[in-house]
Amino acid sequence: MDDRISRRWEAFKESPFLPATVIVLILSAGAGLFAGSYTYAMANPTPHRVPVAVVGVSHQTVRGKAFAAGLERALAASLALSFERSYEQAWEAVEEQRVFAIIVVRGDDVTLNVSSASGASVALLLTEAAPKVAPRVGVRLTVRDINPLQRGDPRGLALFYITLAAVVIGFIGAVQLHANAAQLSAWQQIAFTVAYAALGALSIVAVVDWGLGALDLPLPESWFILALTMFASGMVFAMFHTLVGRWAMVPTWGLMVLLGNPSSGGAVSWPLLPSPLGAIGRWLPPGASVNAQHTAVYFGGHQRVLPYLVLAAWGLVGCAVFLIRRSRAPEDPA
């Protein structure tokens, strides 16, 4: 009996039914994880720590404190207040993306200056909560949007969508190179990855900006960010392909889509993400790409080097592992 089971198992392992069965199980689990990761991150965004600048000689008065405390209670969050000497300094903090709003207190008058471009979901929460708090503490409230989103992107999701396109097409391109051009040498495959990344990024810019007019993208910078994102995504798959062979899509999808996209801050601003995702997201290619693109579009002149370094690091690590593994087994493209 045991020999019969053993023989059947050996025959099953050598048949195409084993990988097919594994694929069924992976896809079944992946469907739930895919839905769960996006639902966990985006379905019920909850503020955790919202940086806000406060301006005005009366910001430490009873009513000024009462308004800030009431806003905290309404949001069930901790407002990270930074007291600035002037509105100009507070505006500079917004431009540097250190704060999401400015509260100006003048006696019984409070002006809440939100910045939708800094984070549309945060601005919406502040705008909804503040009018409920003001009457309770006896202040007159004015709400202004000092840095609105572009007209073609009223919900601030277009940057997330173009990043998602770059990430997914980036590793799908690598999948197709491995499947249909396996005879390419390692350096040739990297060169073709660079080629489809550059052309694909230009295509995204052309459709979203020139065609649809949804965003006014700074061409050289946005093109470069999208191309670097596609290249990094493609090399991540190439790296995993040399490490785990035909199952490379599993870790690639898990890293880039299940974990990377929900934690990128593109659909839900980082103060509203669950804390672990907010911390991890900026170190993954989707989060780095969203951060760089967001700054390029809405805060040009205040671009930071870290997102570029993150994208470059993933691309270079992917290239290094891919080249080393291929050099050790040049006859086996897997």
C-alpha atoms as a PDB file:
ATOM      1  CA  MET A   1       0.000   0.000   0.000  1.00  0.00           C
ATOM      2  CA  ASP A   2       2.803   2.380   0.973  1.00  0.00           C
ATOM      3  CA  ASP A   3       4.705   1.529  -2.217  1.00  0.00           C
ATOM      4  CA  ARG A   4       1.631   2.231  -4.310  1.00  0.00           C
ATOM      5  CA  ILE A   5       1.137   5.638  -2.643  1.00  0.00           C
ATOM      6  CA  SER A   6       4.839   6.404  -3.045  1.00  0.00           C
ATOM      7  CA  ARG A   7       4.778   5.537  -6.747  1.00  0.00           C
ATOM      8  CA  ARG A   8       1.686   7.652  -7.306  1.00  0.00           C
ATOM      9  CA  TRP A   9       3.289  10.546  -5.504  1.00  0.00           C
ATOM     10  CA  GLU A  10       6.473  10.239  -7.569  1.00  0.00           C
ATOM     11  CA  ALA A  11       4.396  10.115 -10.750  1.00  0.00           C
ATOM     12  CA  PHE A  12       2.420  13.158  -9.612  1.00  0.00           C
ATOM     13  CA  LYS A  13       5.639  15.087  -8.898  1.00  0.00           C
ATOM     14  CA  GLU A  14       6.931  14.394 -12.396  1.00  0.00           C
ATOM     15  CA  SER A  15       3.648  15.329 -14.072  1.00  0.00           C
ATOM     16  CA  PRO A  16       2.406  18.816 -14.997  1.00  0.00           C
ATOM     17  CA  PHE A  17      -0.351  18.371 -12.415  1.00  0.00           C
ATOM     18  CA  LEU A  18       1.953  19.336  -9.508  1.00  0.00           C
ATOM     19  CA  PRO A  19       2.831  22.844 -10.752  1.00  0.00           C
ATOM     20  CA  ALA A  20      -0.770  23.303 -11.905  1.00  0.00           C
ATOM     21  CA  THR A  21      -2.021  22.393  -8.426  1.00  0.00           C
ATOM     22  CA  VAL A  22       0.518  24.740  -6.800  1.00  0.00           C
ATOM     23  CA  ILE A  23      -0.621  27.533  -9.119  1.00  0.00           C
ATOM     24  CA  VAL A  24      -4.256  26.960  -8.147  1.00  0.00           C
ATOM     25  CA  LEU A  25      -3.369  27.163  -4.440  1.00  0.00           C
ATOM     26  CA  ILE A  26      -1.163  30.236  -4.908  1.00  0.00           C
ATOM     27  CA  LEU A  27      -3.818  32.055  -6.932  1.00  0.00           C
ATOM     28  CA  SER A  28      -6.507  31.175  -4.399  1.00  0.00           C
ATOM     29  CA  ALA A  29      -4.430  32.489  -1.507  1.00  0.00           C
ATOM     30  CA  GLY A  30      -3.250  35.449  -3.582  1.00  0.00           C
ATOM     31  CA  ALA A  31      -6.805  36.564  -4.338  1.00  0.00           C
ATOM     32  CA  GLY A  32      -7.572  36.855  -0.643  1.00  0.00           C
ATOM     33  CA  LEU A  33      -4.247  38.507   0.167  1.00  0.00           C
ATOM     34  CA  PHE A  34      -4.675  40.972  -2.704  1.00  0.00           C
ATOM     35  CA  ALA A  35      -8.131  42.019  -1.517  1.00  0.00           C
ATOM     36  CA  GLY A  36      -7.034  42.012   2.114  1.00  0.00           C
ATOM     37  CA  SER A  37      -3.916  44.133   1.651  1.00  0.00           C
ATOM     38  CA  TYR A  38      -5.783  46.908  -0.171  1.00  0.00           C
ATOM     39  CA  THR A  39      -8.766  46.744   2.199  1.00  0.00           C
ATOM     40  CA  TYR A  40      -6.489  46.865   5.263  1.00  0.00           C
ATOM     41  CA  ALA A  41      -4.660  49.924   3.940  1.00  0.00           C
ATOM     42  CA  MET A  42      -7.417  51.876   2.226  1.00  0.00           C
ATOM     43  CA  ALA A  43     -10.943  50.892   3.255  1.00  0.00           C
ATOM     44  CA  ASN A  44     -10.992  52.750   6.576  1.00  0.00           C
ATOM     45  CA  PRO A  45      -8.115  55.257   6.693  1.00  0.00           C
ATOM     46  CA  THR A  46      -7.491  56.345  10.268  1.00  0.00           C
ATOM     47  CA  PRO A  47      -5.255  59.282  11.205  1.00  0.00           C
ATOM     48  CA  HIS A  48      -2.333  58.437  13.466  1.00  0.00           C
ATOM     49  CA  ARG A  49      -0.037  61.462  13.468  1.00  0.00           C
ATOM     50  CA  VAL A  50      -0.886  64.519  11.398  1.00  0.00           C
ATOM     51  CA  PRO A  51       1.796  67.263  11.276  1.00  0.00           C
ATOM     52  CA  VAL A  52       0.163  70.710  11.385  1.00  0.00           C
ATOM     53  CA  ALA A  53       1.789  74.159  11.674  1.00  0.00           C
ATOM     54  CA  VAL A  54       0.303  76.786  13.994  1.00  0.00           C
ATOM     55  CA  VAL A  55       0.785  80.529  13.475  1.00  0.00           C
ATOM     56  CA  GLY A  56      -0.338  83.469  15.597  1.00  0.00           C
ATOM     57  CA  VAL A  57       0.598  85.188  18.803  1.00  0.00           C
ATOM     58  CA  SER A  58      -2.512  83.697  20.416  1.00  0.00           C
ATOM     59  CA  HIS A  59      -1.862  80.085  19.584  1.00  0.00           C
ATOM     60  CA  GLN A  60      -1.340  79.306  23.278  1.00  0.00           C
ATOM     61  CA  THR A  61      -4.539  80.989  24.427  1.00  0.00           C
ATOM     62  CA  VAL A  62      -7.293  78.912  25.954  1.00  0.00           C
ATOM     63  CA  ARG A  63      -9.429  78.873  22.812  1.00  0.00           C
ATOM     64  CA  GLY A  64      -6.500  78.170  20.532  1.00  0.00           C
ATOM     65  CA  LYS A  65      -5.567  75.178  22.657  1.00  0.00           C
ATOM     66  CA  ALA A  66      -9.193  74.106  22.875  1.00  0.00           C
ATOM     67  CA  PHE A  67      -9.548  74.136  19.088  1.00  0.00           C
ATOM     68  CA  ALA A  68      -6.422  72.005  18.570  1.00  0.00           C
ATOM     69  CA  ALA A  69      -7.488  69.585  21.318  1.00  0.00           C
ATOM     70  CA  GLY A  70     -11.010  69.364  19.894  1.00  0.00           C
ATOM     71  CA  LEU A  71      -9.641  68.670  16.426  1.00  0.00           C
ATOM     72  CA  GLU A  72      -7.491  65.892  17.859  1.00  0.00           C
ATOM     73  CA  ARG A  73     -10.505  64.308  19.551  1.00  0.00           C
ATOM     74  CA  ALA A  74     -12.631  64.617  16.408  1.00  0.00           C
ATOM     75  CA  LEU A  75      -9.950  62.861  14.360  1.00  0.00           C
ATOM     76  CA  ALA A  76      -9.083  60.359  17.092  1.00  0.00           C
ATOM     77  CA  ALA A  77      -5.483  61.205  16.273  1.00  0.00           C
ATOM     78  CA  SER A  78      -2.451  63.046  17.501  1.00  0.00           C
ATOM     79  CA  LEU A  79      -1.850  66.375  15.823  1.00  0.00           C
ATOM     80  CA  ALA A  80       1.891  66.982  15.680  1.00  0.00           C
ATOM     81  CA  LEU A  81       1.799  70.760  16.153  1.00  0.00           C
ATOM     82  CA  SER A  82       4.783  72.907  15.201  1.00  0.00           C
ATOM     83  CA  PHE A  83       4.547  76.546  16.243  1.00  0.00           C
ATOM     84  CA  GLU A  84       5.943  78.844  13.546  1.00  0.00           C
ATOM     85  CA  ARG A  85       6.817  82.508  14.006  1.00  0.00           C
ATOM     86  CA  SER A  86       5.271  83.622  10.721  1.00  0.00           C
ATOM     87  CA  TYR A  87       2.927  82.423   8.037  1.00  0.00           C
ATOM     88  CA  GLU A  88       5.838  82.463   5.573  1.00  0.00           C
ATOM     89  CA  GLN A  89       7.753  79.961   7.689  1.00  0.00           C
ATOM     90  CA  ALA A  90       4.657  77.778   7.965  1.00  0.00           C
ATOM     91  CA  TRP A  91       4.192  77.931   4.184  1.00  0.00           C
ATOM     92  CA  GLU A  92       7.811  76.844   3.735  1.00  0.00           C
ATOM     93  CA  ALA A  93       7.059  73.829   5.958  1.00  0.00           C
ATOM     94  CA  VAL A  94       4.159  72.966   3.645  1.00  0.00           C
ATOM     95  CA  GLU A  95       6.398  73.283   0.589  1.00  0.00           C
ATOM     96  CA  GLU A  96       8.960  70.989   2.198  1.00  0.00           C
ATOM     97  CA  GLN A  97       6.134  68.524   2.984  1.00  0.00           C
ATOM     98  CA  ARG A  98       6.803  68.649   6.718  1.00  0.00           C
ATOM     99  CA  VAL A  99       3.209  69.668   7.553  1.00  0.00           C
ATOM    100  CA  PHE A 100      -0.192  69.049   5.960  1.00  0.00           C
ATOM    101  CA  ALA A 101      -1.999  72.197   7.090  1.00  0.00           C
ATOM    102  CA  ILE A 102      -1.571  75.582   8.767  1.00  0.00           C
ATOM    103  CA  ILE A 103      -3.759  76.808  11.626  1.00  0.00           C
ATOM    104  CA  VAL A 104      -3.707  80.573  12.052  1.00  0.00           C
ATOM    105  CA  VAL A 105      -5.140  81.766  15.370  1.00  0.00           C
ATOM    106  CA  ARG A 106      -6.010  85.426  15.932  1.00  0.00           C
ATOM    107  CA  GLY A 107      -8.047  85.823  19.097  1.00  0.00           C
ATOM    108  CA  ASP A 108     -11.418  84.206  18.446  1.00  0.00           C
ATOM    109  CA  ASP A 109     -10.736  83.828  14.707  1.00  0.00           C
ATOM    110  CA  VAL A 110      -9.162  80.634  13.402  1.00  0.00           C
ATOM    111  CA  THR A 111      -8.212  79.966   9.792  1.00  0.00           C
ATOM    112  CA  LEU A 112      -7.530  76.376   8.795  1.00  0.00           C
ATOM    113  CA  ASN A 113      -5.349  76.333   5.684  1.00  0.00           C
ATOM    114  CA  VAL A 114      -5.320  72.830   4.236  1.00  0.00           C
ATOM    115  CA  SER A 115      -3.057  71.647   1.429  1.00  0.00           C
ATOM    116  CA  SER A 116      -4.864  69.129  -0.760  1.00  0.00           C
ATOM    117  CA  ALA A 117      -1.710  68.661  -2.817  1.00  0.00           C
ATOM    118  CA  SER A 118       0.098  67.473   0.312  1.00  0.00           C
ATOM    119  CA  GLY A 119      -2.500  64.778   0.888  1.00  0.00           C
ATOM    120  CA  ALA A 120      -6.059  64.891  -0.377  1.00  0.00           C
ATOM    121  CA  SER A 121      -7.331  62.357   2.167  1.00  0.00           C
ATOM    122  CA  VAL A 122      -5.788  64.276   5.088  1.00  0.00           C
ATOM    123  CA  ALA A 123      -7.158  67.601   3.801  1.00  0.00           C
ATOM    124  CA  LEU A 124     -10.631  66.081   3.493  1.00  0.00           C
ATOM    125  CA  LEU A 125     -10.579  64.765   7.066  1.00  0.00           C
ATOM    126  CA  LEU A 126      -9.414  68.110   8.455  1.00  0.00           C
ATOM    127  CA  THR A 127     -11.990  70.019   6.399  1.00  0.00           C
ATOM    128  CA  GLU A 128     -14.810  67.787   7.610  1.00  0.00           C
ATOM    129  CA  ALA A 129     -13.778  67.783  11.274  1.00  0.00           C
ATOM    130  CA  ALA A 130     -12.875  71.444  11.843  1.00  0.00           C
ATOM    131  CA  PRO A 131     -16.371  72.992  11.320  1.00  0.00           C
ATOM    132  CA  LYS A 132     -17.778  70.613  13.942  1.00  0.00           C
ATOM    133  CA  VAL A 133     -15.137  71.603  16.482  1.00  0.00           C
ATOM    134  CA  ALA A 134     -15.187  75.408  16.072  1.00  0.00           C
ATOM    135  CA  PRO A 135     -18.689  76.066  17.534  1.00  0.00           C
ATOM    136  CA  ARG A 136     -17.935  73.909  20.565  1.00  0.00           C
ATOM    137  CA  VAL A 137     -14.908  75.978  21.572  1.00  0.00           C
ATOM    138  CA  GLY A 138     -16.364  79.349  20.556  1.00  0.00           C
ATOM    139  CA  VAL A 139     -14.144  80.336  17.633  1.00  0.00           C
ATOM    140  CA  ARG A 140     -15.017  81.673  14.196  1.00  0.00           C
ATOM    141  CA  LEU A 141     -13.585  79.313  11.584  1.00  0.00           C
ATOM    142  CA  THR A 142     -12.489  79.899   7.992  1.00  0.00           C
ATOM    143  CA  VAL A 143     -11.266  76.987   5.869  1.00  0.00           C
ATOM    144  CA  ARG A 144      -9.066  77.538   2.809  1.00  0.00           C
ATOM    145  CA  ASP A 145      -7.234  75.240   0.422  1.00  0.00           C
ATOM    146  CA  ILE A 146      -3.875  76.934  -0.084  1.00  0.00           C
ATOM    147  CA  ASN A 147      -2.397  74.287  -2.394  1.00  0.00           C
ATOM    148  CA  PRO A 148      -5.187  72.594  -4.371  1.00  0.00           C
ATOM    149  CA  LEU A 149      -4.849  69.572  -6.616  1.00  0.00           C
ATOM    150  CA  GLN A 150      -4.731  69.986 -10.363  1.00  0.00           C
ATOM    151  CA  ARG A 151      -8.112  70.404 -12.030  1.00  0.00           C
ATOM    152  CA  GLY A 152      -7.894  67.137 -13.957  1.00  0.00           C
ATOM    153  CA  ASP A 153      -7.146  65.151 -10.788  1.00  0.00           C
ATOM    154  CA  PRO A 154      -9.646  66.354  -8.149  1.00  0.00           C
ATOM    155  CA  ARG A 155      -9.196  63.294  -5.915  1.00  0.00           C
ATOM    156  CA  GLY A 156      -5.423  63.127  -6.139  1.00  0.00           C
ATOM    157  CA  LEU A 157      -5.316  59.550  -7.428  1.00  0.00           C
ATOM    158  CA  ALA A 158      -3.742  60.050 -10.850  1.00  0.00           C
ATOM    159  CA  LEU A 159      -0.181  59.877  -9.512  1.00  0.00           C
ATOM    160  CA  PHE A 160      -1.022  56.572  -7.833  1.00  0.00           C
ATOM    161  CA  TYR A 161      -2.454  55.220 -11.081  1.00  0.00           C
ATOM    162  CA  ILE A 162       0.527  56.149 -13.238  1.00  0.00           C
ATOM    163  CA  THR A 163       2.886  54.659 -10.645  1.00  0.00           C
ATOM    164  CA  LEU A 164       0.827  51.471 -10.537  1.00  0.00           C
ATOM    165  CA  ALA A 165       1.034  51.277 -14.333  1.00  0.00           C
ATOM    166  CA  ALA A 166       4.820  51.719 -14.264  1.00  0.00           C
ATOM    167  CA  VAL A 167       5.266  49.058 -11.561  1.00  0.00           C
ATOM    168  CA  VAL A 168       3.023  46.425 -13.155  1.00  0.00           C
ATOM    169  CA  ILE A 169       4.190  46.940 -16.747  1.00  0.00           C
ATOM    170  CA  GLY A 170       7.764  47.034 -15.444  1.00  0.00           C
ATOM    171  CA  PHE A 171       7.737  43.474 -14.175  1.00  0.00           C
ATOM    172  CA  ILE A 172       5.371  42.174 -16.859  1.00  0.00           C
ATOM    173  CA  GLY A 173       7.920  43.366 -19.404  1.00  0.00           C
ATOM    174  CA  ALA A 174      10.607  41.337 -17.632  1.00  0.00           C
ATOM    175  CA  VAL A 175       8.295  38.307 -17.583  1.00  0.00           C
ATOM    176  CA  GLN A 176       7.829  38.572 -21.342  1.00  0.00           C
ATOM    177  CA  LEU A 177      11.558  38.942 -21.974  1.00  0.00           C
ATOM    178  CA  HIS A 178      12.249  35.779 -20.001  1.00  0.00           C
ATOM    179  CA  ALA A 179       9.432  33.894 -21.713  1.00  0.00           C
ATOM    180  CA  ASN A 180       9.983  35.001 -25.308  1.00  0.00           C
ATOM    181  CA  ALA A 181      13.603  36.149 -25.529  1.00  0.00           C
ATOM    182  CA  ALA A 182      15.395  33.754 -23.210  1.00  0.00           C
ATOM    183  CA  GLN A 183      18.349  33.560 -25.626  1.00  0.00           C
ATOM    184  CA  LEU A 184      19.361  37.130 -24.786  1.00  0.00           C
ATOM    185  CA  SER A 185      22.522  37.477 -22.747  1.00  0.00           C
ATOM    186  CA  ALA A 186      22.267  39.042 -19.306  1.00  0.00           C
ATOM    187  CA  TRP A 187      23.531  42.428 -20.483  1.00  0.00           C
ATOM    188  CA  GLN A 188      21.264  42.323 -23.529  1.00  0.00           C
ATOM    189  CA  GLN A 189      18.261  41.661 -21.311  1.00  0.00           C
ATOM    190  CA  ILE A 190      19.196  44.622 -19.092  1.00  0.00           C
ATOM    191  CA  ALA A 191      19.545  46.799 -22.189  1.00  0.00           C
ATOM    192  CA  PHE A 192      16.073  45.812 -23.425  1.00  0.00           C
ATOM    193  CA  THR A 193      14.683  46.453 -19.931  1.00  0.00           C
ATOM    194  CA  VAL A 194      16.121  49.972 -20.122  1.00  0.00           C
ATOM    195  CA  ALA A 195      14.556  50.368 -23.570  1.00  0.00           C
ATOM    196  CA  TYR A 196      11.001  49.380 -22.636  1.00  0.00           C
ATOM    197  CA  ALA A 197      11.265  51.364 -19.385  1.00  0.00           C
ATOM    198  CA  ALA A 198      12.210  54.545 -21.266  1.00  0.00           C
ATOM    199  CA  LEU A 199       9.589  54.110 -23.989  1.00  0.00           C
ATOM    200  CA  GLY A 200       6.891  52.915 -21.595  1.00  0.00           C
ATOM    201  CA  ALA A 201       7.438  55.876 -19.286  1.00  0.00           C
ATOM    202  CA  LEU A 202       7.172  58.280 -22.214  1.00  0.00           C
ATOM    203  CA  SER A 203       3.967  56.537 -23.278  1.00  0.00           C
ATOM    204  CA  ILE A 204       2.462  57.047 -19.794  1.00  0.00           C
ATOM    205  CA  VAL A 205       3.330  60.749 -19.863  1.00  0.00           C
ATOM    206  CA  ALA A 206       1.955  61.121 -23.394  1.00  0.00           C
ATOM    207  CA  VAL A 207      -1.392  59.503 -22.570  1.00  0.00           C
ATOM    208  CA  VAL A 208      -2.007  61.014 -19.127  1.00  0.00           C
ATOM    209  CA  ASP A 209      -0.691  64.518 -19.813  1.00  0.00           C
ATOM    210  CA  TRP A 210      -0.772  65.243 -23.543  1.00  0.00           C
ATOM    211  CA  GLY A 211      -3.709  62.975 -24.374  1.00  0.00           C
ATOM    212  CA  LEU A 212      -6.105  63.100 -21.424  1.00  0.00           C
ATOM    213  CA  GLY A 213      -4.866  66.298 -19.804  1.00  0.00           C
ATOM    214  CA  ALA A 214      -5.431  64.762 -16.372  1.00  0.00           C
ATOM    215  CA  LEU A 215      -2.092  65.997 -15.049  1.00  0.00           C
ATOM    216  CA  ASP A 216       0.379  68.676 -16.009  1.00  0.00           C
ATOM    217  CA  LEU A 217       3.577  66.652 -15.638  1.00  0.00           C
ATOM    218  CA  PRO A 218       7.078  68.152 -15.682  1.00  0.00           C
ATOM    219  CA  LEU A 219       8.279  66.129 -18.672  1.00  0.00           C
ATOM    220  CA  PRO A 220      11.983  65.401 -17.976  1.00  0.00           C
ATOM    221  CA  GLU A 221      11.513  64.674 -14.269  1.00  0.00           C
ATOM    222  CA  SER A 222       8.280  62.678 -14.480  1.00  0.00           C
ATOM    223  CA  TRP A 223       9.595  60.705 -17.453  1.00  0.00           C
ATOM    224  CA  PHE A 224      12.782  59.838 -15.577  1.00  0.00           C
ATOM    225  CA  ILE A 225      10.912  58.823 -12.402  1.00  0.00           C
ATOM    226  CA  LEU A 226       8.534  56.551 -14.320  1.00  0.00           C
ATOM    227  CA  ALA A 227      11.378  55.033 -16.352  1.00  0.00           C
ATOM    228  CA  LEU A 228      13.425  54.374 -13.216  1.00  0.00           C
ATOM    229  CA  THR A 229      10.352  52.813 -11.591  1.00  0.00           C
ATOM    230  CA  MET A 230       9.732  50.506 -14.554  1.00  0.00           C
ATOM    231  CA  PHE A 231      13.405  49.525 -14.698  1.00  0.00           C
ATOM    232  CA  ALA A 232      13.578  48.790 -10.955  1.00  0.00           C
ATOM    233  CA  SER A 233      10.375  46.744 -11.146  1.00  0.00           C
ATOM    234  CA  GLY A 234      11.673  44.764 -14.114  1.00  0.00           C
ATOM    235  CA  MET A 235      15.002  44.039 -12.436  1.00  0.00           C
ATOM    236  CA  VAL A 236      13.262  42.930  -9.245  1.00  0.00           C
ATOM    237  CA  PHE A 237      11.517  40.221 -11.278  1.00  0.00           C
ATOM    238  CA  ALA A 238      14.761  39.359 -13.082  1.00  0.00           C
ATOM    239  CA  MET A 239      16.486  38.984  -9.702  1.00  0.00           C
ATOM    240  CA  PHE A 240      13.794  36.697  -8.325  1.00  0.00           C
ATOM    241  CA  HIS A 241      13.775  34.716 -11.573  1.00  0.00           C
ATOM    242  CA  THR A 242      17.427  33.813 -11.100  1.00  0.00           C
ATOM    243  CA  LEU A 243      16.755  32.919  -7.460  1.00  0.00           C
ATOM    244  CA  VAL A 244      13.514  30.905  -7.606  1.00  0.00           C
ATOM    245  CA  GLY A 245      13.019  30.274 -11.323  1.00  0.00           C
ATOM    246  CA  ARG A 246       9.489  29.853 -12.605  1.00  0.00           C
ATOM    247  CA  TRP A 247       7.961  30.915  -9.268  1.00  0.00           C
ATOM    248  CA  ALA A 248       9.514  34.395  -9.487  1.00  0.00           C
ATOM    249  CA  MET A 249       6.131  36.055  -9.975  1.00  0.00           C
ATOM    250  CA  VAL A 250       5.106  35.108  -6.418  1.00  0.00           C
ATOM    251  CA  PRO A 251       7.700  37.195  -4.495  1.00  0.00           C
ATOM    252  CA  THR A 252       7.606  39.931  -7.154  1.00  0.00           C
ATOM    253  CA  TRP A 253       3.839  40.308  -6.911  1.00  0.00           C
ATOM    254  CA  GLY A 254       3.962  40.109  -3.126  1.00  0.00           C
ATOM    255  CA  LEU A 255       6.649  42.785  -2.801  1.00  0.00           C
ATOM    256  CA  MET A 256       5.529  45.205  -5.496  1.00  0.00           C
ATOM    257  CA  VAL A 257       1.727  44.859  -5.515  1.00  0.00           C
ATOM    258  CA  LEU A 258       0.499  43.272  -2.279  1.00  0.00           C
ATOM    259  CA  LEU A 259       2.866  45.244  -0.045  1.00  0.00           C
ATOM    260  CA  GLY A 260       4.331  48.060  -2.142  1.00  0.00           C
ATOM    261  CA  ASN A 261       1.280  49.665  -3.738  1.00  0.00           C
ATOM    262  CA  PRO A 262      -1.049  49.837  -0.694  1.00  0.00           C
ATOM    263  CA  SER A 263       1.800  51.308   1.393  1.00  0.00           C
ATOM    264  CA  SER A 264       2.948  53.802  -1.248  1.00  0.00           C
ATOM    265  CA  GLY A 265       0.882  56.719   0.067  1.00  0.00           C
ATOM    266  CA  GLY A 266      -0.562  57.304  -3.392  1.00  0.00           C
ATOM    267  CA  ALA A 267      -4.184  56.402  -2.694  1.00  0.00           C
ATOM    268  CA  VAL A 268      -4.163  57.124   1.044  1.00  0.00           C
ATOM    269  CA  SER A 269      -1.708  59.625   2.564  1.00  0.00           C
ATOM    270  CA  TRP A 270       0.882  58.150   4.909  1.00  0.00           C
ATOM    271  CA  PRO A 271      -0.548  59.694   8.154  1.00  0.00           C
ATOM    272  CA  LEU A 272      -3.738  57.692   7.507  1.00  0.00           C
ATOM    273  CA  LEU A 273      -2.050  54.373   6.745  1.00  0.00           C
ATOM    274  CA  PRO A 274      -1.598  51.678   9.406  1.00  0.00           C
ATOM    275  CA  SER A 275       1.712  52.502  11.064  1.00  0.00           C
ATOM    276  CA  PRO A 276       3.747  49.525   9.737  1.00  0.00           C
ATOM    277  CA  LEU A 277       2.724  50.268   6.149  1.00  0.00           C
ATOM    278  CA  GLY A 278       3.530  53.955   6.515  1.00  0.00           C
ATOM    279  CA  ALA A 279       7.029  53.073   7.701  1.00  0.00           C
ATOM    280  CA  ILE A 280       7.740  50.374   5.120  1.00  0.00           C
ATOM    281  CA  GLY A 281       6.169  51.977   2.057  1.00  0.00           C
ATOM    282  CA  ARG A 282       8.703  54.715   1.376  1.00  0.00           C
ATOM    283  CA  TRP A 283      11.523  52.118   1.156  1.00  0.00           C
ATOM    284  CA  LEU A 284       9.827  50.113  -1.606  1.00  0.00           C
ATOM    285  CA  PRO A 285       9.800  51.089  -5.300  1.00  0.00           C
ATOM    286  CA  PRO A 286       6.079  52.064  -5.492  1.00  0.00           C
ATOM    287  CA  GLY A 287       6.308  54.330  -2.446  1.00  0.00           C
ATOM    288  CA  ALA A 288       9.581  55.904  -3.579  1.00  0.00           C
ATOM    289  CA  SER A 289       8.103  56.524  -7.027  1.00  0.00           C
ATOM    290  CA  VAL A 290       4.923  58.132  -5.647  1.00  0.00           C
ATOM    291  CA  ASN A 291       6.974  60.360  -3.330  1.00  0.00           C
ATOM    292  CA  ALA A 292       9.298  61.524  -6.105  1.00  0.00           C
ATOM    293  CA  GLN A 293       6.450  62.077  -8.570  1.00  0.00           C
ATOM    294  CA  HIS A 294       4.301  63.888  -6.007  1.00  0.00           C
ATOM    295  CA  THR A 295       7.105  66.307  -5.204  1.00  0.00           C
ATOM    296  CA  ALA A 296       7.933  66.833  -8.881  1.00  0.00           C
ATOM    297  CA  VAL A 297       4.330  67.734  -9.752  1.00  0.00           C
ATOM    298  CA  TYR A 298       3.253  69.774  -6.728  1.00  0.00           C
ATOM    299  CA  PHE A 299       6.424  70.862  -4.919  1.00  0.00           C
ATOM    300  CA  GLY A 300       9.001  71.364  -7.651  1.00  0.00           C
ATOM    301  CA  GLY A 301      12.153  72.948  -6.275  1.00  0.00           C
ATOM    302  CA  HIS A 302      11.841  70.951  -3.053  1.00  0.00           C
ATOM    303  CA  GLN A 303      12.680  67.564  -4.537  1.00  0.00           C
ATOM    304  CA  ARG A 304      14.426  65.116  -2.228  1.00  0.00           C
ATOM    305  CA  VAL A 305      17.148  62.661  -3.180  1.00  0.00           C
ATOM    306  CA  LEU A 306      15.957  59.739  -1.023  1.00  0.00           C
ATOM    307  CA  PRO A 307      13.200  58.446  -3.372  1.00  0.00           C
ATOM    308  CA  TYR A 308      15.672  58.393  -6.265  1.00  0.00           C
ATOM    309  CA  LEU A 309      18.213  56.536  -4.141  1.00  0.00           C
ATOM    310  CA  VAL A 310      15.595  53.949  -3.152  1.00  0.00           C
ATOM    311  CA  LEU A 311      14.592  53.323  -6.781  1.00  0.00           C
ATOM    312  CA  ALA A 312      18.218  53.208  -7.923  1.00  0.00           C
ATOM    313  CA  ALA A 313      19.150  50.829  -5.109  1.00  0.00           C
ATOM    314  CA  TRP A 314      16.406  48.344  -6.046  1.00  0.00           C
ATOM    315  CA  GLY A 315      17.428  48.527  -9.703  1.00  0.00           C
ATOM    316  CA  LEU A 316      21.133  48.090  -8.947  1.00  0.00           C
ATOM    317  CA  VAL A 317      20.606  45.240  -6.478  1.00  0.00           C
ATOM    318  CA  GLY A 318      18.350  43.518  -9.010  1.00  0.00           C
ATOM    319  CA  CYS A 319      20.998  43.944 -11.721  1.00  0.00           C
ATOM    320  CA  ALA A 320      23.803  42.705  -9.473  1.00  0.00           C
ATOM    321  CA  VAL A 321      21.989  39.552  -8.357  1.00  0.00           C
ATOM    322  CA  PHE A 322      20.791  38.868 -11.909  1.00  0.00           C
ATOM    323  CA  LEU A 323      24.288  39.239 -13.419  1.00  0.00           C
ATOM    324  CA  ILE A 324      26.000  37.174 -10.723  1.00  0.00           C
ATOM    325  CA  ARG A 325      23.499  34.330 -10.931  1.00  0.00           C
ATOM    326  CA  ARG A 326      23.486  34.298 -14.717  1.00  0.00           C
ATOM    327  CA  SER A 327      27.286  34.277 -14.856  1.00  0.00           C
ATOM    328  CA  ARG A 328      27.331  31.166 -12.700  1.00  0.00           C
ATOM    329  CA  ALA A 329      24.817  29.336 -14.889  1.00  0.00           C
ATOM    330  CA  PRO A 330      24.956  30.981 -18.358  1.00  0.00           C
ATOM    331  CA  GLU A 331      23.409  27.980 -20.026  1.00  0.00           C
ATOM    332  CA  ASP A 332      20.315  28.154 -17.840  1.00  0.00           C
ATOM    333  CA  PRO A 333      18.370  31.431 -18.285  1.00  0.00           C
ATOM    334  CA  ALA A 334      16.261  30.599 -15.222  1.00  0.00           C
END
